[in-house]
Protein backbone atom coordinates (compact mmCIF):
# COMPACT_ATOMS: atom_id res chain seq x y z
CA MET A 1 85.80 139.12 164.28
CA LYS A 2 84.13 140.43 161.11
CA ASN A 3 86.05 142.41 158.56
CA GLU A 4 85.10 144.23 155.30
CA GLU A 5 87.28 143.85 152.22
CA LYS A 6 86.45 146.52 149.70
CA GLY A 7 85.04 145.23 146.50
CA LEU A 8 85.20 141.61 147.63
CA GLY A 9 82.23 141.23 149.91
CA VAL A 10 82.33 140.13 153.56
CA GLY A 11 85.03 137.85 155.01
CA TRP A 12 86.20 136.82 158.43
CA VAL A 13 89.45 136.33 160.44
CA GLU A 14 89.95 134.34 163.57
CA GLY A 15 93.22 134.54 165.47
CA ARG A 16 94.37 131.26 166.93
CA ASP A 17 96.81 128.70 165.50
CA PRO A 18 95.30 126.49 162.81
CA LYS A 19 94.61 122.87 163.52
CA PRO A 20 93.10 120.24 161.26
CA LEU A 21 89.36 120.73 161.41
CA GLY A 22 90.07 122.94 164.51
CA ALA A 23 88.36 126.05 165.65
CA ALA A 24 91.04 128.65 164.84
CA ARG A 25 91.34 129.96 161.33
CA ARG A 26 93.56 132.83 160.22
CA ARG A 27 93.43 132.86 156.44
CA VAL A 28 91.06 135.06 154.48
CA SER A 29 88.52 133.39 152.24
CA CYS A 30 85.92 135.54 150.55
CA LEU A 31 82.84 134.69 148.58
CA ASN A 32 81.90 137.42 146.13
CA PRO A 33 78.64 137.27 144.20
CA THR A 34 80.38 138.63 141.07
CA TYR A 35 83.71 136.84 141.13
CA GLY A 36 82.71 133.64 142.94
CA LEU A 37 85.20 131.90 145.28
CA ARG A 38 88.45 133.71 146.07
CA LEU A 39 91.14 131.75 147.87
CA ALA A 40 93.72 133.81 149.68
CA PRO A 41 97.33 133.01 148.70
CA SER A 42 99.44 131.00 151.12
CA PRO A 43 103.13 131.82 151.50
CA GLN A 44 103.90 128.27 152.61
CA ARG A 45 102.33 125.85 150.06
CA ARG A 46 100.13 125.94 147.02
CA ILE A 47 98.12 123.50 144.94
CA ASP A 48 99.12 123.63 141.27
CA LEU A 49 96.29 123.18 138.85
CA PRO A 50 96.75 121.96 135.26
CA PRO A 51 97.68 124.75 132.83
CA LEU A 52 94.78 126.62 131.32
CA GLY A 53 94.43 125.17 127.86
CA ALA A 54 91.87 123.31 125.79
CA GLY A 55 91.29 120.95 128.69
CA GLY A 56 91.84 123.38 131.52
CA LEU A 57 88.56 125.21 131.12
CA LEU A 58 86.71 121.92 131.12
CA GLY A 59 88.80 120.25 133.84
CA TYR A 60 88.82 122.99 136.48
CA PRO A 61 85.17 122.60 137.47
CA PHE A 62 85.75 118.91 138.10
CA ILE A 63 88.89 119.68 140.20
CA PHE A 64 87.06 122.29 142.26
CA LEU A 65 83.99 120.13 142.89
CA THR A 66 86.11 117.10 143.75
CA PHE A 67 88.86 118.51 145.93
CA ILE A 68 88.09 122.02 147.11
CA ASN A 69 84.37 122.45 147.33
CA PRO A 70 83.74 119.97 150.18
CA TYR A 71 86.28 121.79 152.39
CA TYR A 72 84.96 125.16 151.40
CA GLU A 73 81.45 124.14 152.34
CA ALA A 74 82.84 122.99 155.71
CA GLY A 75 84.16 126.50 156.32
CA LEU A 76 87.82 125.94 155.61
CA GLY A 77 90.09 128.44 153.87
CA MET A 78 92.85 127.57 151.46
CA GLN A 79 95.50 127.32 154.24
CA GLU A 80 93.41 124.84 156.16
CA ILE A 81 92.93 122.78 153.03
CA VAL A 82 96.67 122.71 152.49
CA ASN A 83 97.45 121.92 156.13
CA LEU A 84 94.80 119.23 156.14
CA SER A 85 96.39 117.71 153.03
CA SER A 86 99.81 117.59 154.73
CA THR A 87 98.72 116.24 158.13
CA ASN A 88 95.84 113.92 157.39
CA SER A 89 97.54 111.39 155.05
CA SER A 90 94.74 108.85 155.39
CA SER A 91 92.20 111.06 153.65
CA ALA A 92 94.23 113.50 151.54
CA LEU A 93 95.76 112.90 148.16
CA SER A 94 99.36 113.59 147.33
CA ARG A 95 100.21 116.50 145.10
CA ARG A 96 101.22 114.14 142.30
CA LYS A 97 98.00 112.22 142.55
CA GLN A 98 96.08 115.48 142.48
CA ILE A 99 97.81 116.49 139.26
CA VAL A 100 97.27 113.08 137.67
CA ILE A 101 93.65 112.95 138.61
CA GLY A 102 93.12 116.57 137.60
CA VAL A 103 94.62 115.95 134.18
CA SER A 104 92.68 112.70 133.85
CA LEU A 105 89.43 114.47 134.64
CA SER A 106 90.29 117.14 132.11
CA LEU A 107 90.79 114.49 129.45
CA VAL A 108 87.59 112.75 130.44
CA SER A 109 85.70 116.02 130.21
CA ILE A 110 87.17 116.75 126.78
CA CYS A 111 86.23 113.29 125.53
CA LEU A 112 82.71 113.73 126.94
CA VAL A 113 82.26 117.09 125.18
CA LEU A 114 83.63 115.70 121.90
CA PHE A 115 81.31 112.71 122.20
CA LEU A 116 78.33 114.97 122.70
CA LEU A 117 79.40 117.11 119.79
CA GLU A 118 79.80 114.03 117.63
CA LEU A 119 76.26 113.01 118.44
CA GLY A 120 74.97 116.49 117.87
CA VAL A 121 76.53 117.07 114.43
CA ARG A 122 74.96 113.85 113.18
CA LEU A 123 71.69 115.73 113.28
CA LEU A 124 73.05 118.38 110.96
CA PRO A 125 73.03 118.22 107.13
CA PRO A 126 76.39 117.18 105.55
CA PRO A 127 78.88 119.96 104.85
CA TYR A 128 78.39 119.75 101.04
CA PRO A 129 75.23 119.31 98.95
CA ALA A 130 73.73 115.91 99.75
CA ASP A 131 72.88 115.07 96.15
CA THR A 132 76.51 114.93 94.98
CA GLY A 133 78.17 111.80 93.69
CA ARG A 134 75.11 109.58 93.41
CA LEU A 135 77.02 107.22 91.07
CA PHE A 136 79.64 106.57 93.76
CA ALA A 137 80.08 105.20 97.24
CA CYS A 138 82.77 105.98 99.77
CA GLN A 139 85.05 103.03 100.49
CA PRO A 140 87.71 103.19 103.24
CA ALA A 141 90.49 101.27 101.50
CA LEU A 142 89.99 102.79 98.03
CA GLY A 143 88.55 106.20 98.85
CA TRP A 144 85.47 105.44 96.69
CA THR A 145 84.10 103.05 94.10
CA GLY A 146 81.20 103.12 91.72
CA ARG A 147 77.97 102.54 93.67
CA PRO A 148 77.55 98.74 93.61
CA ASN A 149 74.65 97.56 91.47
CA PHE A 150 73.65 101.10 90.49
CA ALA A 151 70.98 101.21 87.84
CA GLY A 152 69.52 104.47 86.56
CA GLU A 153 69.90 107.43 84.31
CA PHE A 154 72.85 109.77 84.58
CA GLN A 155 72.74 113.15 82.82
CA ASN A 156 74.44 116.48 82.77
CA ASP A 157 74.44 119.44 80.40
CA LEU A 158 76.39 117.52 77.74
CA PHE A 159 74.87 113.99 77.67
CA GLN A 160 72.52 111.58 79.34
CA GLN A 161 73.01 107.82 79.68
CA MET A 162 71.27 104.83 81.24
CA LEU A 163 73.86 103.05 83.41
CA HIS A 164 74.13 99.64 85.04
CA PHE A 165 77.03 98.89 87.36
CA ASN A 166 78.03 95.44 88.59
CA SER A 167 78.47 94.40 92.21
CA LEU A 168 81.95 95.96 92.31
CA GLY A 169 80.62 99.29 91.11
CA MET A 170 82.19 98.88 87.67
CA HIS A 171 80.47 99.88 84.42
CA ASP A 172 80.68 96.28 83.32
CA THR A 173 78.78 93.01 83.29
CA GLU A 174 79.14 90.63 86.22
CA HIS A 175 82.17 88.30 86.13
CA THR A 176 82.63 85.14 88.18
CA VAL A 177 85.69 85.21 90.42
CA ALA A 178 86.74 81.74 89.29
CA LYS A 179 88.03 81.88 85.71
CA PRO A 180 86.06 79.57 83.40
CA PRO A 181 88.01 76.91 81.47
CA ASP A 182 89.62 77.91 78.17
CA THR A 183 89.26 81.61 79.00
CA PHE A 184 91.85 84.33 78.58
CA ARG A 185 91.30 87.23 80.96
CA ILE A 186 92.43 90.81 80.68
CA LEU A 187 92.00 93.13 83.62
CA MET A 188 91.81 96.76 82.46
CA LEU A 189 92.72 99.24 85.23
CA GLY A 190 92.08 102.96 84.88
CA ASP A 191 90.01 105.97 85.78
CA SER A 192 87.01 107.62 84.14
CA PHE A 193 88.15 106.60 80.64
CA VAL A 194 87.68 102.97 81.72
CA HIS A 195 84.56 103.65 83.80
CA ALA A 196 83.16 105.38 80.70
CA VAL A 197 79.77 106.53 82.05
CA GLN A 198 79.40 108.73 78.97
CA VAL A 199 78.46 105.76 76.76
CA ASP A 200 76.52 102.55 77.01
CA GLU A 201 78.37 99.57 78.48
CA ALA A 202 78.39 97.85 75.09
CA ALA A 203 80.23 100.88 73.66
CA THR A 204 82.99 101.07 76.30
CA ALA A 205 86.55 100.41 75.26
CA HIS A 206 86.87 97.32 77.49
CA GLN A 207 83.72 95.71 76.04
CA LEU A 208 84.66 96.59 72.45
CA LEU A 209 88.15 95.16 73.03
CA GLU A 210 86.60 91.91 74.27
CA ASP A 211 84.31 91.76 71.24
CA GLN A 212 87.19 92.49 68.87
CA LEU A 213 89.45 89.78 70.30
CA ASN A 214 86.68 87.21 70.26
CA ARG A 215 86.24 87.77 66.50
CA VAL A 216 89.76 86.57 65.76
CA GLU A 217 91.26 83.11 66.11
CA LEU A 218 93.15 82.75 69.38
CA PRO A 219 95.43 80.00 70.64
CA ALA A 220 93.52 76.80 71.62
CA GLY A 221 90.25 78.52 70.72
CA ASP A 222 90.15 80.43 73.94
CA LYS A 223 87.39 82.84 74.84
CA VAL A 224 88.49 86.32 75.92
CA GLU A 225 87.04 88.21 78.88
CA VAL A 226 88.01 91.86 79.48
CA ILE A 227 87.19 92.91 83.04
CA SER A 228 86.82 96.58 83.89
CA GLY A 229 88.74 97.81 86.95
CA GLY A 230 88.35 101.53 86.50
CA VAL A 231 86.45 104.22 88.38
CA THR A 232 86.14 107.96 87.87
CA ASN A 233 88.91 110.02 89.51
CA TRP A 234 90.99 106.98 90.49
CA GLY A 235 94.72 107.46 90.52
CA THR A 236 97.31 104.77 89.89
CA ASN A 237 97.64 104.25 93.65
CA GLN A 238 93.93 103.34 93.93
CA GLN A 239 94.26 101.03 90.94
CA LEU A 240 97.11 99.26 92.71
CA VAL A 241 95.03 98.85 95.87
CA PHE A 242 92.07 97.54 93.80
CA TYR A 243 94.33 94.99 92.11
CA ARG A 244 95.57 93.74 95.46
CA ASP A 245 92.17 93.58 97.15
CA GLN A 246 89.95 92.42 94.31
CA GLY A 247 91.47 92.42 90.81
CA GLN A 248 93.93 89.62 91.30
CA GLN A 249 91.13 87.33 92.52
CA PHE A 250 89.91 87.13 88.94
CA SER A 251 93.18 85.44 87.87
CA PRO A 252 93.88 87.79 84.93
CA ASP A 253 96.38 86.64 82.30
CA VAL A 254 97.15 90.28 81.37
CA VAL A 255 96.79 93.40 83.51
CA LEU A 256 96.42 96.40 81.23
CA LEU A 257 97.01 99.73 82.93
CA MET A 258 95.39 102.73 81.22
CA VAL A 259 97.30 105.92 82.16
CA TYR A 260 95.50 109.21 81.45
CA LEU A 261 97.96 112.10 81.24
CA GLY A 262 95.24 114.63 81.98
CA ASN A 263 95.09 114.01 85.71
CA ASP A 264 96.67 110.71 86.84
CA LEU A 265 99.85 112.35 88.06
CA LEU A 266 97.90 114.90 90.09
CA ASP A 267 95.58 112.19 91.41
CA ASN A 268 98.57 110.29 92.77
CA LEU A 269 99.50 113.13 95.13
CA PRO A 270 97.94 113.20 98.62
CA GLY A 271 94.51 114.80 98.78
CA ASN A 272 92.77 113.27 95.76
CA VAL A 273 89.07 113.63 96.60
CA LEU A 274 85.55 113.00 95.42
CA THR A 275 82.46 114.49 97.05
CA ILE A 276 79.82 111.79 97.71
CA ASP A 277 76.53 112.25 99.53
CA GLY A 278 77.68 115.63 100.87
CA VAL A 279 80.99 114.39 102.30
CA ASN A 280 84.51 114.53 100.84
CA CYS A 281 85.94 111.02 100.44
CA TYR A 282 89.72 110.97 100.14
CA ALA A 283 91.89 108.53 98.22
CA PRO A 284 94.73 106.70 100.00
CA TYR A 285 98.23 107.71 98.94
CA LEU A 286 101.64 106.10 98.71
CA ALA A 287 104.87 107.65 100.06
CA VAL A 288 108.29 107.60 98.42
CA CYS A 289 111.13 107.27 100.93
CA GLY A 290 114.36 108.22 99.22
CA ASP A 291 114.13 106.38 95.91
CA THR A 292 111.93 103.58 97.28
CA LEU A 293 108.15 103.43 97.31
CA ASN A 294 106.57 102.33 100.58
CA PRO A 295 103.92 99.93 99.21
CA ASN A 296 101.60 100.34 102.21
CA PRO A 297 98.98 103.04 101.49
CA LEU A 298 98.16 105.77 103.97
CA PRO A 299 94.66 107.20 104.49
CA TYR A 300 94.44 110.96 103.94
CA ALA A 301 93.92 113.15 107.03
CA PRO A 302 92.77 116.71 106.23
CA GLY A 303 94.85 119.31 108.02
CA LEU A 304 98.12 117.37 108.22
CA ASN A 305 101.12 118.15 106.05
CA ASP A 306 100.19 116.31 102.83
CA SER A 307 103.63 115.20 101.68
CA PRO A 308 104.27 112.13 99.49
CA HIS A 309 107.35 111.53 101.65
CA ASP A 310 105.69 110.50 104.91
CA CYS A 311 108.22 107.89 105.88
CA SER A 312 108.89 108.00 109.61
CA ALA A 313 107.02 105.50 111.73
CA GLY A 314 105.73 108.27 114.01
CA LYS A 315 104.33 110.37 111.17
CA ARG A 316 102.78 107.33 109.46
CA GLY A 317 101.16 106.29 112.75
CA LEU A 318 99.71 109.75 113.23
CA VAL A 319 98.45 109.94 109.62
CA SER A 320 96.87 106.48 109.89
CA ALA A 321 95.11 107.36 113.16
CA LEU A 322 93.73 110.68 111.94
CA GLY A 323 92.84 109.26 108.54
CA TRP A 324 90.80 106.54 110.23
CA LEU A 325 89.22 109.15 112.47
CA TYR A 326 88.17 111.28 109.48
CA GLN A 327 86.53 108.29 107.80
CA HIS A 328 84.43 107.57 110.91
CA SER A 329 83.89 110.94 112.62
CA ARG A 330 81.04 113.15 111.43
CA LEU A 331 82.47 116.01 113.51
CA TYR A 332 85.78 115.84 111.67
CA GLN A 333 83.95 115.67 108.35
CA GLN A 334 81.77 118.60 109.34
CA ILE A 335 84.71 120.91 109.99
CA GLU A 336 86.71 119.62 107.03
CA PRO A 337 85.64 122.51 104.74
CA LEU A 338 87.16 125.00 107.24
CA ILE A 339 90.39 122.94 107.39
CA VAL A 340 90.63 122.76 103.59
CA ALA A 341 89.99 126.48 103.26
CA ALA A 342 92.82 127.23 105.75
CA LYS A 343 95.22 124.59 104.33
CA PRO A 344 94.60 123.91 100.65
CA ARG A 345 95.94 120.75 99.05
CA ARG A 346 99.41 120.96 97.53
CA GLN A 347 99.12 120.78 93.71
CA PHE A 348 101.00 121.65 90.58
CA GLY A 349 99.90 123.66 87.58
CA GLN A 350 97.73 126.14 89.48
CA ALA A 351 98.95 128.97 87.24
CA TYR A 352 97.19 127.41 84.25
CA ASP A 353 93.52 126.96 83.37
CA SER A 354 94.11 123.17 83.42
CA PRO A 355 96.75 121.81 85.78
CA PHE A 356 97.81 119.17 83.22
CA SER A 357 99.20 121.98 81.10
CA ALA A 358 102.20 121.94 83.43
CA LEU A 359 103.15 118.53 81.96
CA TYR A 360 103.59 120.00 78.49
CA LEU A 361 105.59 123.13 79.42
CA PRO A 362 109.03 123.59 81.00
CA ASN A 363 108.18 123.40 84.68
CA ASP A 364 110.29 123.07 87.82
CA GLU A 365 107.51 122.92 90.42
CA ILE A 366 108.43 120.63 93.32
CA GLU A 367 104.93 119.20 93.38
CA LEU A 368 105.15 118.19 89.72
CA GLU A 369 108.41 116.31 90.25
CA GLU A 370 106.95 114.63 93.33
CA ALA A 371 103.97 113.55 91.25
CA TRP A 372 106.28 112.03 88.61
CA GLN A 373 108.30 110.26 91.26
CA VAL A 374 105.36 108.65 93.03
CA THR A 375 103.62 107.79 89.71
CA LEU A 376 106.57 106.01 88.16
CA ALA A 377 107.32 104.17 91.43
CA THR A 378 103.67 103.05 91.71
CA ILE A 379 103.60 101.74 88.15
CA ALA A 380 106.78 99.76 88.86
CA GLN A 381 105.26 98.40 92.07
CA LEU A 382 102.12 97.31 90.25
CA ARG A 383 104.21 95.63 87.57
CA ASP A 384 106.18 93.69 90.19
CA GLU A 385 103.04 92.45 91.96
CA VAL A 386 101.34 91.48 88.71
CA GLU A 387 104.33 89.52 87.52
CA ALA A 388 104.79 87.92 90.92
CA ASN A 389 101.29 86.45 90.45
CA GLY A 390 102.25 84.97 87.09
CA SER A 391 100.44 87.55 84.89
CA GLN A 392 101.69 89.79 82.17
CA PHE A 393 101.72 93.54 82.58
CA ALA A 394 101.24 96.24 79.94
CA VAL A 395 100.39 99.96 79.75
CA ALA A 396 98.41 102.17 77.38
CA LEU A 397 98.75 105.98 77.39
CA ILE A 398 95.75 108.29 76.92
CA SER A 399 96.42 111.91 76.02
CA PRO A 400 94.10 114.84 76.74
CA GLU A 401 91.97 116.03 73.83
CA ILE A 402 93.93 119.23 73.34
CA ALA A 403 97.22 117.29 72.93
CA VAL A 404 95.63 115.04 70.31
CA ARG A 405 94.10 118.02 68.52
CA LEU A 406 97.43 119.90 68.47
CA ALA A 407 99.11 116.86 66.92
CA THR A 408 96.59 116.97 64.03
CA LEU A 409 97.29 120.58 63.13
CA SER A 410 99.39 121.55 60.18
CA PRO A 411 102.44 123.78 60.86
CA ALA A 412 100.44 126.83 59.71
CA GLU A 413 97.53 125.89 61.97
CA GLN A 414 99.91 125.39 64.89
CA GLN A 415 101.24 128.90 64.40
CA VAL A 416 97.71 130.31 64.56
CA PHE A 417 97.06 128.35 67.74
CA LEU A 418 100.28 129.61 69.37
CA ARG A 419 99.45 133.21 68.38
CA ASP A 420 96.04 132.85 70.10
CA ASN A 421 97.54 130.97 73.09
CA PRO A 422 100.95 132.54 73.76
CA ALA A 423 101.33 130.71 77.07
CA PHE A 424 101.87 127.53 75.05
CA ALA A 425 104.71 128.93 72.94
CA GLU A 426 107.12 126.53 74.70
CA ALA A 427 104.66 123.64 74.84
CA GLN A 428 105.70 120.22 73.57
CA ALA A 429 102.66 118.10 72.66
CA ASP A 430 104.40 114.83 73.52
CA ARG A 431 106.58 115.93 76.46
CA PRO A 432 105.01 113.58 79.07
CA ASN A 433 104.66 110.78 76.51
CA VAL A 434 108.42 110.93 75.80
CA ARG A 435 109.29 110.75 79.49
CA LEU A 436 106.99 107.79 80.07
CA ALA A 437 108.27 106.01 76.97
CA GLN A 438 111.82 106.29 78.25
CA PHE A 439 110.75 104.89 81.65
CA PHE A 440 108.84 101.97 80.11
CA ASN A 441 111.76 101.09 77.87
CA ASP A 442 114.14 101.18 80.83
CA GLN A 443 111.81 98.97 82.82
CA ALA A 444 111.07 96.62 79.88
CA ILE A 445 107.32 97.30 80.20
CA PRO A 446 105.30 96.87 76.99
CA PHE A 447 103.29 99.98 76.26
CA LEU A 448 101.11 101.54 73.59
CA ASP A 449 100.67 105.29 73.15
CA LEU A 450 97.09 105.80 71.90
CA THR A 451 97.86 109.27 70.60
CA PRO A 452 99.14 108.24 67.14
CA PRO A 453 96.11 106.07 66.23
CA MET A 454 93.80 108.83 67.47
CA VAL A 455 95.62 111.45 65.37
CA GLU A 456 95.60 109.15 62.34
CA HIS A 457 91.84 108.66 62.67
CA LEU A 458 91.13 112.39 63.02
CA ARG A 459 93.11 113.20 59.92
CA ALA A 460 91.05 110.69 57.90
CA ASP A 461 87.66 111.13 59.59
CA SER A 462 86.11 114.22 61.16
CA ALA A 463 84.01 112.28 63.63
CA PRO A 464 84.92 113.60 67.10
CA LEU A 465 86.72 111.25 69.47
CA TYR A 466 86.18 113.36 72.61
CA ILE A 467 82.94 114.89 73.93
CA THR A 468 83.30 118.69 73.50
CA GLY A 469 83.43 120.39 76.91
CA GLU A 470 83.51 117.10 78.80
CA TRP A 471 86.67 115.69 77.20
CA HIS A 472 86.05 111.94 77.58
CA TRP A 473 85.82 109.59 74.70
CA THR A 474 82.74 109.49 72.56
CA ALA A 475 81.51 106.08 71.35
CA GLU A 476 83.83 106.59 68.34
CA GLY A 477 86.74 107.34 70.63
CA ASN A 478 86.16 104.16 72.58
CA ARG A 479 85.97 102.21 69.30
CA VAL A 480 89.24 103.60 67.97
CA ALA A 481 91.03 102.86 71.25
CA ALA A 482 89.64 99.31 71.39
CA GLU A 483 90.75 98.52 67.84
CA ALA A 484 94.23 99.91 68.41
CA LEU A 485 94.58 97.89 71.64
CA ALA A 486 93.37 94.64 70.01
CA GLU A 487 95.86 94.96 67.17
CA TRP A 488 98.75 95.89 69.49
CA LEU A 489 98.04 93.04 71.98
CA GLN A 490 98.21 90.52 69.17
CA GLN A 491 101.24 91.99 67.48
CA ASN A 492 103.17 91.95 70.75
CA GLN A 493 102.04 88.38 71.48
CA LEU A 494 100.42 89.33 74.76
CA ILE A 495 97.42 87.19 73.93
CA THR A 496 98.65 83.64 74.64
CA SER A 497 97.08 80.42 75.85
CA PRO A 498 96.24 80.76 79.55
């Protein structure tokens, strides 16, 4: 008997008791050209589909085609499908199996779509300009290094320089891994002040230090090698990882850590980044759990809560998995700018033109104290690992140009500066230096603050030590630092027979 259902097209009802695959049907099933298949509700049983979420939209077509469509094409309504499922156990699936298979198919469909998207976005240009960071290369364990064996000219608005990197991407000559006989080795760890792309390799602090020490008489007539282990934007955490993975293989007698107060503390927080070939490469980070540093680095995963206190096994596992995924997924990298825009990195000093200004002013930002905590713990961890390998450990402090310049001003000149820069009325030019000095003394770590020799030089000679507007050392700045280091190393008897 035919029946019209308003707005739903034409359906049919037949009036005998239902039987599996039988002739009598008494549920309404309508096919509407606008709405598609409509299954009439059953008061007795129902089939529960997975909840409509990210996978539901993708999984429902598979569930329909697999379980419902064959019966529909055979002329069965929803009630007959349910009855058939309950009476014909040899061919029907249990409700639990239907749910498991439905969810599984949803997951498979999601993975398939993501795989196709991953392939598709690889045809797109990178999310940032592709000509960025040509001096550098992304490296999973370190975040980035200098581009190995780079040779070419680097220039910006302030300088141009011909550069030659070694096989490790350092602005240095090549060094054999095996230490030659009668050789005293110093491994200098640091950031852009050690990488020193602003000057020729012969004018870098590490090379000048080597030349200076080889001009004086050393125990047993040893030759000195100073090996560069510094790359632009590296934090202390990356320097620790480099020492573990590569630096210690050179069997250094002294490991000299160069700490730059301008950005090292900020770089040690999660989210330190360098854009290379159009993609953001993130540095690993270390977490402090209570008062103890977890020495195992974590990769950075954009979008997660970037706390330097990621201590639970579950959180560390999730961070590690997503960090690995970001390093290998072009889709994740492509949407990273949107993630960063919605969830910016946690930083300190955002109220100032330069974040490092927060180090010199009274400041109670949580992020700043976290940066201090992880930085000091990382330095102590590096010291422990260096000494465990039978080497000596020492530190040199580098101050930003403005801190050095303020220290050279007379009291009258300082008053003029503070009048023109009232935000610095409570500034203390050596505030972070004093805190670090106290820490090094407590830890019995030999250290040299390079600020006093820099100030002494500026008071006697007007030759600039920092490049104006770029704020790295000039050739003269590298020379002054090398001479101060050479004298200090000898005075503190850190240069001994290997």
